[in-house]
Amino acid sequence: MLKDWLLIVRYCAMAMLLNDTTFLQHRLLEWLTDLVQVHQRKTIDQKIYELLQTQLQQLFKSEQMALIAPFLEQVNNTFLQDNLVQLPR
């Protein structure tokens, strides 16, 4: 599970560098949404997301956090919220 979150941060950083939200959707969110649904681990993932946000805010300056935050929010909005959206294939 933590390995998945390392991948999430990696893909968010890559999408940030490319400034491309579709990169994140196509490379990460399609398989990750299915994984979360199958293993029913949403509660644990939500807590990890919150802890990650807290740690990144302590680590990064606000300007730096503003660069990656939209991509982390995209992950949160796509598969951690109650209204889980199934991405098109």
PDB file of N, CA and C in Angstrom:
ATOM      1  N   MET A   1       0.818  -1.182   0.000  1.00  0.00           N
ATOM      2  CA  MET A   1       0.000   0.000   0.000  1.00  0.00           C
ATOM      3  C   MET A   1       0.876   1.267   0.000  1.00  0.00           C
ATOM      4  N   LEU A   2       1.913   1.275   0.813  1.00  0.00           N
ATOM      5  CA  LEU A   2       2.804   2.440   0.817  1.00  0.00           C
ATOM      6  C   LEU A   2       3.539   2.577  -0.512  1.00  0.00           C
ATOM      7  N   LYS A   3       3.798   1.438  -1.142  1.00  0.00           N
ATOM      8  CA  LYS A   3       4.414   1.470  -2.465  1.00  0.00           C
ATOM      9  C   LYS A   3       3.510   2.210  -3.450  1.00  0.00           C
ATOM     10  N   ASP A   4       2.218   1.983  -3.327  1.00  0.00           N
ATOM     11  CA  ASP A   4       1.263   2.690  -4.193  1.00  0.00           C
ATOM     12  C   ASP A   4       1.343   4.196  -3.961  1.00  0.00           C
ATOM     13  N   TRP A   5       1.496   4.603  -2.698  1.00  0.00           N
ATOM     14  CA  TRP A   5       1.572   6.030  -2.396  1.00  0.00           C
ATOM     15  C   TRP A   5       2.889   6.648  -2.862  1.00  0.00           C
ATOM     16  N   LEU A   6       3.956   5.873  -2.879  1.00  0.00           N
ATOM     17  CA  LEU A   6       5.195   6.377  -3.477  1.00  0.00           C
ATOM     18  C   LEU A   6       4.989   6.626  -4.968  1.00  0.00           C
ATOM     19  N   LEU A   7       4.270   5.720  -5.618  1.00  0.00           N
ATOM     20  CA  LEU A   7       3.952   5.905  -7.034  1.00  0.00           C
ATOM     21  C   LEU A   7       3.046   7.109  -7.250  1.00  0.00           C
ATOM     22  N   ILE A   8       2.101   7.316  -6.348  1.00  0.00           N
ATOM     23  CA  ILE A   8       1.216   8.473  -6.461  1.00  0.00           C
ATOM     24  C   ILE A   8       2.012   9.757  -6.425  1.00  0.00           C
ATOM     25  N   VAL A   9       2.916   9.867  -5.464  1.00  0.00           N
ATOM     26  CA  VAL A   9       3.736  11.079  -5.359  1.00  0.00           C
ATOM     27  C   VAL A   9       4.619  11.227  -6.592  1.00  0.00           C
ATOM     28  N   ARG A  10       5.160  10.128  -7.054  1.00  0.00           N
ATOM     29  CA  ARG A  10       6.014  10.162  -8.258  1.00  0.00           C
ATOM     30  C   ARG A  10       5.238  10.654  -9.479  1.00  0.00           C
ATOM     31  N   TYR A  11       4.050  10.086  -9.691  1.00  0.00           N
ATOM     32  CA  TYR A  11       3.247  10.487 -10.841  1.00  0.00           C
ATOM     33  C   TYR A  11       2.720  11.913 -10.699  1.00  0.00           C
ATOM     34  N   CYS A  12       2.406  12.328  -9.492  1.00  0.00           N
ATOM     35  CA  CYS A  12       1.982  13.721  -9.278  1.00  0.00           C
ATOM     36  C   CYS A  12       3.124  14.675  -9.609  1.00  0.00           C
ATOM     37  N   ALA A  13       4.337  14.322  -9.196  1.00  0.00           N
ATOM     38  CA  ALA A  13       5.494  15.162  -9.494  1.00  0.00           C
ATOM     39  C   ALA A  13       5.754  15.220 -10.995  1.00  0.00           C
ATOM     40  N   MET A  14       5.613  14.088 -11.661  1.00  0.00           N
ATOM     41  CA  MET A  14       5.821  14.070 -13.113  1.00  0.00           C
ATOM     42  C   MET A  14       4.756  14.892 -13.819  1.00  0.00           C
ATOM     43  N   ALA A  15       3.505  14.768 -13.400  1.00  0.00           N
ATOM     44  CA  ALA A  15       2.423  15.566 -13.990  1.00  0.00           C
ATOM     45  C   ALA A  15       2.659  17.049 -13.725  1.00  0.00           C
ATOM     46  N   MET A  16       3.193  17.368 -12.549  1.00  0.00           N
ATOM     47  CA  MET A  16       3.508  18.756 -12.217  1.00  0.00           C
ATOM     48  C   MET A  16       4.581  19.293 -13.154  1.00  0.00           C
ATOM     49  N   LEU A  17       5.624  18.509 -13.378  1.00  0.00           N
ATOM     50  CA  LEU A  17       6.696  18.946 -14.272  1.00  0.00           C
ATOM     51  C   LEU A  17       6.208  19.116 -15.706  1.00  0.00           C
ATOM     52  N   LEU A  18       5.318  18.230 -16.116  1.00  0.00           N
ATOM     53  CA  LEU A  18       4.757  18.317 -17.467  1.00  0.00           C
ATOM     54  C   LEU A  18       3.620  19.323 -17.553  1.00  0.00           C
ATOM     55  N   ASN A  19       3.100  19.731 -16.388  1.00  0.00           N
ATOM     56  CA  ASN A  19       1.941  20.610 -16.304  1.00  0.00           C
ATOM     57  C   ASN A  19       0.785  20.019 -17.113  1.00  0.00           C
ATOM     58  N   ASP A  20       0.499  18.743 -16.826  1.00  0.00           N
ATOM     59  CA  ASP A  20      -0.470  17.993 -17.623  1.00  0.00           C
ATOM     60  C   ASP A  20      -1.300  17.085 -16.718  1.00  0.00           C
ATOM     61  N   THR A  21      -2.529  17.478 -16.447  1.00  0.00           N
ATOM     62  CA  THR A  21      -3.405  16.662 -15.598  1.00  0.00           C
ATOM     63  C   THR A  21      -3.842  15.380 -16.288  1.00  0.00           C
ATOM     64  N   THR A  22      -3.861  15.375 -17.608  1.00  0.00           N
ATOM     65  CA  THR A  22      -4.249  14.153 -18.312  1.00  0.00           C
ATOM     66  C   THR A  22      -3.187  13.073 -18.152  1.00  0.00           C
ATOM     67  N   PHE A  23      -1.927  13.475 -18.003  1.00  0.00           N
ATOM     68  CA  PHE A  23      -0.862  12.501 -17.741  1.00  0.00           C
ATOM     69  C   PHE A  23      -1.179  11.722 -16.470  1.00  0.00           C
ATOM     70  N   LEU A  24      -1.558  12.453 -15.437  1.00  0.00           N
ATOM     71  CA  LEU A  24      -1.881  11.818 -14.162  1.00  0.00           C
ATOM     72  C   LEU A  24      -3.079  10.887 -14.311  1.00  0.00           C
ATOM     73  N   GLN A  25      -4.070  11.330 -15.025  1.00  0.00           N
ATOM     74  CA  GLN A  25      -5.271  10.513 -15.204  1.00  0.00           C
ATOM     75  C   GLN A  25      -4.960   9.231 -15.957  1.00  0.00           C
ATOM     76  N   HIS A  26      -4.209   9.326 -17.026  1.00  0.00           N
ATOM     77  CA  HIS A  26      -3.954   8.152 -17.857  1.00  0.00           C
ATOM     78  C   HIS A  26      -2.924   7.214 -17.258  1.00  0.00           C
ATOM     79  N   ARG A  27      -1.923   7.742 -16.601  1.00  0.00           N
ATOM     80  CA  ARG A  27      -0.853   6.898 -16.092  1.00  0.00           C
ATOM     81  C   ARG A  27      -1.103   6.316 -14.714  1.00  0.00           C
ATOM     82  N   LEU A  28      -1.869   6.990 -13.920  1.00  0.00           N
ATOM     83  CA  LEU A  28      -2.014   6.574 -12.538  1.00  0.00           C
ATOM     84  C   LEU A  28      -3.444   6.269 -12.135  1.00  0.00           C
ATOM     85  N   LEU A  29      -4.315   7.199 -12.375  1.00  0.00           N
ATOM     86  CA  LEU A  29      -5.638   7.111 -11.770  1.00  0.00           C
ATOM     87  C   LEU A  29      -6.489   5.982 -12.330  1.00  0.00           C
ATOM     88  N   GLU A  30      -6.258   5.557 -13.549  1.00  0.00           N
ATOM     89  CA  GLU A  30      -7.059   4.467 -14.103  1.00  0.00           C
ATOM     90  C   GLU A  30      -6.841   3.170 -13.331  1.00  0.00           C
ATOM     91  N   TRP A  31      -5.597   2.761 -13.155  1.00  0.00           N
ATOM     92  CA  TRP A  31      -5.358   1.503 -12.454  1.00  0.00           C
ATOM     93  C   TRP A  31      -5.539   1.646 -10.958  1.00  0.00           C
ATOM     94  N   LEU A  32      -5.259   2.811 -10.409  1.00  0.00           N
ATOM     95  CA  LEU A  32      -5.363   2.998  -8.970  1.00  0.00           C
ATOM     96  C   LEU A  32      -6.815   3.021  -8.508  1.00  0.00           C
ATOM     97  N   THR A  33      -7.699   3.590  -9.292  1.00  0.00           N
ATOM     98  CA  THR A  33      -9.121   3.606  -8.945  1.00  0.00           C
ATOM     99  C   THR A  33      -9.648   2.183  -8.845  1.00  0.00           C
ATOM    100  N   ASP A  34      -9.299   1.355  -9.795  1.00  0.00           N
ATOM    101  CA  ASP A  34      -9.737  -0.043  -9.763  1.00  0.00           C
ATOM    102  C   ASP A  34      -9.156  -0.769  -8.556  1.00  0.00           C
ATOM    103  N   LEU A  35      -7.916  -0.512  -8.238  1.00  0.00           N
ATOM    104  CA  LEU A  35      -7.251  -1.159  -7.112  1.00  0.00           C
ATOM    105  C   LEU A  35      -7.927  -0.814  -5.791  1.00  0.00           C
ATOM    106  N   VAL A  36      -8.256   0.448  -5.616  1.00  0.00           N
ATOM    107  CA  VAL A  36      -8.907   0.883  -4.384  1.00  0.00           C
ATOM    108  C   VAL A  36     -10.293   0.266  -4.269  1.00  0.00           C
ATOM    109  N   GLN A  37     -11.022   0.195  -5.373  1.00  0.00           N
ATOM    110  CA  GLN A  37     -12.362  -0.397  -5.348  1.00  0.00           C
ATOM    111  C   GLN A  37     -12.301  -1.890  -5.022  1.00  0.00           C
ATOM    112  N   VAL A  38     -11.375  -2.601  -5.617  1.00  0.00           N
ATOM    113  CA  VAL A  38     -11.284  -4.042  -5.434  1.00  0.00           C
ATOM    114  C   VAL A  38     -10.886  -4.393  -3.999  1.00  0.00           C
ATOM    115  N   HIS A  39      -9.918  -3.691  -3.461  1.00  0.00           N
ATOM    116  CA  HIS A  39      -9.394  -4.033  -2.138  1.00  0.00           C
ATOM    117  C   HIS A  39     -10.108  -3.310  -0.997  1.00  0.00           C
ATOM    118  N   GLN A  40     -11.022  -2.435  -1.314  1.00  0.00           N
ATOM    119  CA  GLN A  40     -11.806  -1.712  -0.320  1.00  0.00           C
ATOM    120  C   GLN A  40     -10.932  -1.128   0.784  1.00  0.00           C
ATOM    121  N   ARG A  41      -9.955  -0.383   0.377  1.00  0.00           N
ATOM    122  CA  ARG A  41      -9.010   0.195   1.325  1.00  0.00           C
ATOM    123  C   ARG A  41      -9.112   1.713   1.393  1.00  0.00           C
ATOM    124  N   LYS A  42     -10.240   2.219   1.042  1.00  0.00           N
ATOM    125  CA  LYS A  42     -10.443   3.661   0.930  1.00  0.00           C
ATOM    126  C   LYS A  42     -10.176   4.407   2.238  1.00  0.00           C
ATOM    127  N   THR A  43     -10.594   3.866   3.357  1.00  0.00           N
ATOM    128  CA  THR A  43     -10.404   4.523   4.648  1.00  0.00           C
ATOM    129  C   THR A  43      -8.920   4.670   4.971  1.00  0.00           C
ATOM    130  N   ILE A  44      -8.169   3.624   4.749  1.00  0.00           N
ATOM    131  CA  ILE A  44      -6.726   3.674   5.009  1.00  0.00           C
ATOM    132  C   ILE A  44      -6.051   4.645   4.056  1.00  0.00           C
ATOM    133  N   ASP A  45      -6.415   4.593   2.784  1.00  0.00           N
ATOM    134  CA  ASP A  45      -5.823   5.508   1.805  1.00  0.00           C
ATOM    135  C   ASP A  45      -6.149   6.959   2.128  1.00  0.00           C
ATOM    136  N   GLN A  46      -7.347   7.222   2.619  1.00  0.00           N
ATOM    137  CA  GLN A  46      -7.719   8.590   2.989  1.00  0.00           C
ATOM    138  C   GLN A  46      -6.825   9.092   4.117  1.00  0.00           C
ATOM    139  N   LYS A  47      -6.557   8.247   5.093  1.00  0.00           N
ATOM    140  CA  LYS A  47      -5.688   8.642   6.213  1.00  0.00           C
ATOM    141  C   LYS A  47      -4.254   8.870   5.732  1.00  0.00           C
ATOM    142  N   ILE A  48      -3.771   8.023   4.860  1.00  0.00           N
ATOM    143  CA  ILE A  48      -2.420   8.203   4.304  1.00  0.00           C
ATOM    144  C   ILE A  48      -2.342   9.510   3.534  1.00  0.00           C
ATOM    145  N   TYR A  49      -3.389   9.822   2.773  1.00  0.00           N
ATOM    146  CA  TYR A  49      -3.431  11.080   2.024  1.00  0.00           C
ATOM    147  C   TYR A  49      -3.351  12.274   2.975  1.00  0.00           C
ATOM    148  N   GLU A  50      -4.107  12.231   4.055  1.00  0.00           N
ATOM    149  CA  GLU A  50      -4.088  13.331   5.026  1.00  0.00           C
ATOM    150  C   GLU A  50      -2.715  13.488   5.668  1.00  0.00           C
ATOM    151  N   LEU A  51      -2.092  12.374   6.032  1.00  0.00           N
ATOM    152  CA  LEU A  51      -0.749  12.425   6.624  1.00  0.00           C
ATOM    153  C   LEU A  51       0.285  12.931   5.621  1.00  0.00           C
ATOM    154  N   LEU A  52       0.136  12.516   4.371  1.00  0.00           N
ATOM    155  CA  LEU A  52       1.035  12.988   3.319  1.00  0.00           C
ATOM    156  C   LEU A  52       0.906  14.498   3.149  1.00  0.00           C
ATOM    157  N   GLN A  53      -0.312  14.999   3.121  1.00  0.00           N
ATOM    158  CA  GLN A  53      -0.544  16.440   3.005  1.00  0.00           C
ATOM    159  C   GLN A  53       0.135  17.190   4.152  1.00  0.00           C
ATOM    160  N   THR A  54      -0.018  16.683   5.349  1.00  0.00           N
ATOM    161  CA  THR A  54       0.572  17.322   6.527  1.00  0.00           C
ATOM    162  C   THR A  54       2.094  17.359   6.416  1.00  0.00           C
ATOM    163  N   GLN A  55       2.682  16.249   6.038  1.00  0.00           N
ATOM    164  CA  GLN A  55       4.142  16.185   5.931  1.00  0.00           C
ATOM    165  C   GLN A  55       4.676  17.068   4.811  1.00  0.00           C
ATOM    166  N   LEU A  56       3.992  17.075   3.675  1.00  0.00           N
ATOM    167  CA  LEU A  56       4.448  17.908   2.563  1.00  0.00           C
ATOM    168  C   LEU A  56       4.344  19.391   2.903  1.00  0.00           C
ATOM    169  N   GLN A  57       3.319  19.779   3.638  1.00  0.00           N
ATOM    170  CA  GLN A  57       3.178  21.177   4.034  1.00  0.00           C
ATOM    171  C   GLN A  57       4.280  21.604   4.990  1.00  0.00           C
ATOM    172  N   GLN A  58       4.770  20.678   5.791  1.00  0.00           N
ATOM    173  CA  GLN A  58       5.883  20.984   6.676  1.00  0.00           C
ATOM    174  C   GLN A  58       7.208  21.012   5.925  1.00  0.00           C
ATOM    175  N   LEU A  59       7.312  20.213   4.898  1.00  0.00           N
ATOM    176  CA  LEU A  59       8.548  20.083   4.137  1.00  0.00           C
ATOM    177  C   LEU A  59       8.729  21.191   3.103  1.00  0.00           C
ATOM    178  N   PHE A  60       7.639  21.537   2.407  1.00  0.00           N
ATOM    179  CA  PHE A  60       7.712  22.500   1.315  1.00  0.00           C
ATOM    180  C   PHE A  60       7.276  23.887   1.754  1.00  0.00           C
ATOM    181  N   LYS A  61       7.802  24.889   1.071  1.00  0.00           N
ATOM    182  CA  LYS A  61       7.295  26.250   1.228  1.00  0.00           C
ATOM    183  C   LYS A  61       5.924  26.310   0.556  1.00  0.00           C
ATOM    184  N   SER A  62       5.156  27.332   0.889  1.00  0.00           N
ATOM    185  CA  SER A  62       3.795  27.423   0.337  1.00  0.00           C
ATOM    186  C   SER A  62       3.807  27.522  -1.185  1.00  0.00           C
ATOM    187  N   GLU A  63       4.815  28.192  -1.749  1.00  0.00           N
ATOM    188  CA  GLU A  63       4.909  28.291  -3.211  1.00  0.00           C
ATOM    189  C   GLU A  63       5.169  26.926  -3.837  1.00  0.00           C
ATOM    190  N   GLN A  64       6.000  26.127  -3.192  1.00  0.00           N
ATOM    191  CA  GLN A  64       6.300  24.791  -3.688  1.00  0.00           C
ATOM    192  C   GLN A  64       5.085  23.876  -3.547  1.00  0.00           C
ATOM    193  N   MET A  65       4.422  23.986  -2.436  1.00  0.00           N
ATOM    194  CA  MET A  65       3.237  23.159  -2.197  1.00  0.00           C
ATOM    195  C   MET A  65       2.142  23.489  -3.208  1.00  0.00           C
ATOM    196  N   ALA A  66       2.050  24.749  -3.580  1.00  0.00           N
ATOM    197  CA  ALA A  66       1.035  25.167  -4.546  1.00  0.00           C
ATOM    198  C   ALA A  66       1.258  24.520  -5.917  1.00  0.00           C
ATOM    199  N   LEU A  67       2.477  24.124  -6.210  1.00  0.00           N
ATOM    200  CA  LEU A  67       2.759  23.497  -7.507  1.00  0.00           C
ATOM    201  C   LEU A  67       2.249  22.060  -7.582  1.00  0.00           C
ATOM    202  N   ILE A  68       2.398  21.333  -6.510  1.00  0.00           N
ATOM    203  CA  ILE A  68       2.005  19.915  -6.543  1.00  0.00           C
ATOM    204  C   ILE A  68       0.602  19.676  -5.993  1.00  0.00           C
ATOM    205  N   ALA A  69       0.090  20.602  -5.222  1.00  0.00           N
ATOM    206  CA  ALA A  69      -1.222  20.434  -4.580  1.00  0.00           C
ATOM    207  C   ALA A  69      -2.359  20.112  -5.556  1.00  0.00           C
ATOM    208  N   PRO A  70      -2.453  20.767  -6.714  1.00  0.00           N
ATOM    209  CA  PRO A  70      -3.565  20.440  -7.625  1.00  0.00           C
ATOM    210  C   PRO A  70      -3.564  18.981  -8.084  1.00  0.00           C
ATOM    211  N   PHE A  71      -2.394  18.409  -8.204  1.00  0.00           N
ATOM    212  CA  PHE A  71      -2.307  17.025  -8.666  1.00  0.00           C
ATOM    213  C   PHE A  71      -2.659  16.048  -7.539  1.00  0.00           C
ATOM    214  N   LEU A  72      -2.253  16.375  -6.322  1.00  0.00           N
ATOM    215  CA  LEU A  72      -2.656  15.563  -5.180  1.00  0.00           C
ATOM    216  C   LEU A  72      -4.164  15.660  -4.958  1.00  0.00           C
ATOM    217  N   GLU A  73      -4.703  16.837  -5.161  1.00  0.00           N
ATOM    218  CA  GLU A  73      -6.155  17.017  -5.035  1.00  0.00           C
ATOM    219  C   GLU A  73      -6.890  16.225  -6.107  1.00  0.00           C
ATOM    220  N   GLN A  74      -6.300  16.137  -7.291  1.00  0.00           N
ATOM    221  CA  GLN A  74      -6.917  15.342  -8.356  1.00  0.00           C
ATOM    222  C   GLN A  74      -6.992  13.876  -7.938  1.00  0.00           C
ATOM    223  N   VAL A  75      -5.945  13.378  -7.299  1.00  0.00           N
ATOM    224  CA  VAL A  75      -5.964  12.009  -6.784  1.00  0.00           C
ATOM    225  C   VAL A  75      -7.068  11.876  -5.739  1.00  0.00           C
ATOM    226  N   ASN A  76      -7.116  12.816  -4.825  1.00  0.00           N
ATOM    227  CA  ASN A  76      -8.127  12.789  -3.769  1.00  0.00           C
ATOM    228  C   ASN A  76      -9.537  12.843  -4.351  1.00  0.00           C
ATOM    229  N   ASN A  77      -9.775  13.744  -5.261  1.00  0.00           N
ATOM    230  CA  ASN A  77     -11.103  13.904  -5.845  1.00  0.00           C
ATOM    231  C   ASN A  77     -11.516  12.711  -6.690  1.00  0.00           C
ATOM    232  N   THR A  78     -10.568  12.025  -7.266  1.00  0.00           N
ATOM    233  CA  THR A  78     -10.893  10.932  -8.170  1.00  0.00           C
ATOM    234  C   THR A  78     -11.220   9.637  -7.443  1.00  0.00           C
ATOM    235  N   PHE A  79     -10.435   9.274  -6.433  1.00  0.00           N
ATOM    236  CA  PHE A  79     -10.707   7.967  -5.861  1.00  0.00           C
ATOM    237  C   PHE A  79     -10.812   7.906  -4.344  1.00  0.00           C
ATOM    238  N   LEU A  80     -10.640   9.002  -3.666  1.00  0.00           N
ATOM    239  CA  LEU A  80     -10.772   8.948  -2.214  1.00  0.00           C
ATOM    240  C   LEU A  80     -12.077   9.536  -1.697  1.00  0.00           C
ATOM    241  N   GLN A  81     -12.734  10.355  -2.491  1.00  0.00           N
ATOM    242  CA  GLN A  81     -13.988  10.951  -2.049  1.00  0.00           C
ATOM    243  C   GLN A  81     -15.106   9.921  -2.102  1.00  0.00           C
ATOM    244  N   ASP A  82     -16.189  10.192  -1.408  1.00  0.00           N
ATOM    245  CA  ASP A  82     -17.324   9.271  -1.355  1.00  0.00           C
ATOM    246  C   ASP A  82     -17.964   9.065  -2.715  1.00  0.00           C
ATOM    247  N   ASN A  83     -17.939  10.100  -3.544  1.00  0.00           N
ATOM    248  CA  ASN A  83     -18.537   9.993  -4.878  1.00  0.00           C
ATOM    249  C   ASN A  83     -17.477   9.521  -5.862  1.00  0.00           C
ATOM    250  N   LEU A  84     -17.070   8.274  -5.704  1.00  0.00           N
ATOM    251  CA  LEU A  84     -16.017   7.690  -6.523  1.00  0.00           C
ATOM    252  C   LEU A  84     -16.416   7.699  -7.987  1.00  0.00           C
ATOM    253  N   VAL A  85     -15.543   8.241  -8.804  1.00  0.00           N
ATOM    254  CA  VAL A  85     -15.803   8.361 -10.238  1.00  0.00           C
ATOM    255  C   VAL A  85     -15.048   7.275 -10.970  1.00  0.00           C
ATOM    256  N   GLN A  86     -15.713   6.557 -11.820  1.00  0.00           N
ATOM    257  CA  GLN A  86     -15.045   5.560 -12.644  1.00  0.00           C
ATOM    258  C   GLN A  86     -14.520   6.263 -13.899  1.00  0.00           C
ATOM    259  N   LEU A  87     -13.243   6.187 -14.098  1.00  0.00           N
ATOM    260  CA  LEU A  87     -12.630   6.865 -15.238  1.00  0.00           C
ATOM    261  C   LEU A  87     -12.911   6.112 -16.528  1.00  0.00           C
ATOM    262  N   PRO A  88     -13.044   6.824 -17.639  1.00  0.00           N
ATOM    263  CA  PRO A  88     -13.263   6.154 -18.916  1.00  0.00           C
ATOM    264  C   PRO A  88     -12.022   5.380 -19.343  1.00  0.00           C
ATOM    265  N   ARG A  89     -12.210   4.299 -20.047  1.00  0.00           N
ATOM    266  CA  ARG A  89     -11.097   3.468 -20.516  1.00  0.00           C
ATOM    267  C   ARG A  89     -10.772   3.806 -21.950  1.00  0.00           C
TER     268      ARG A  89
END
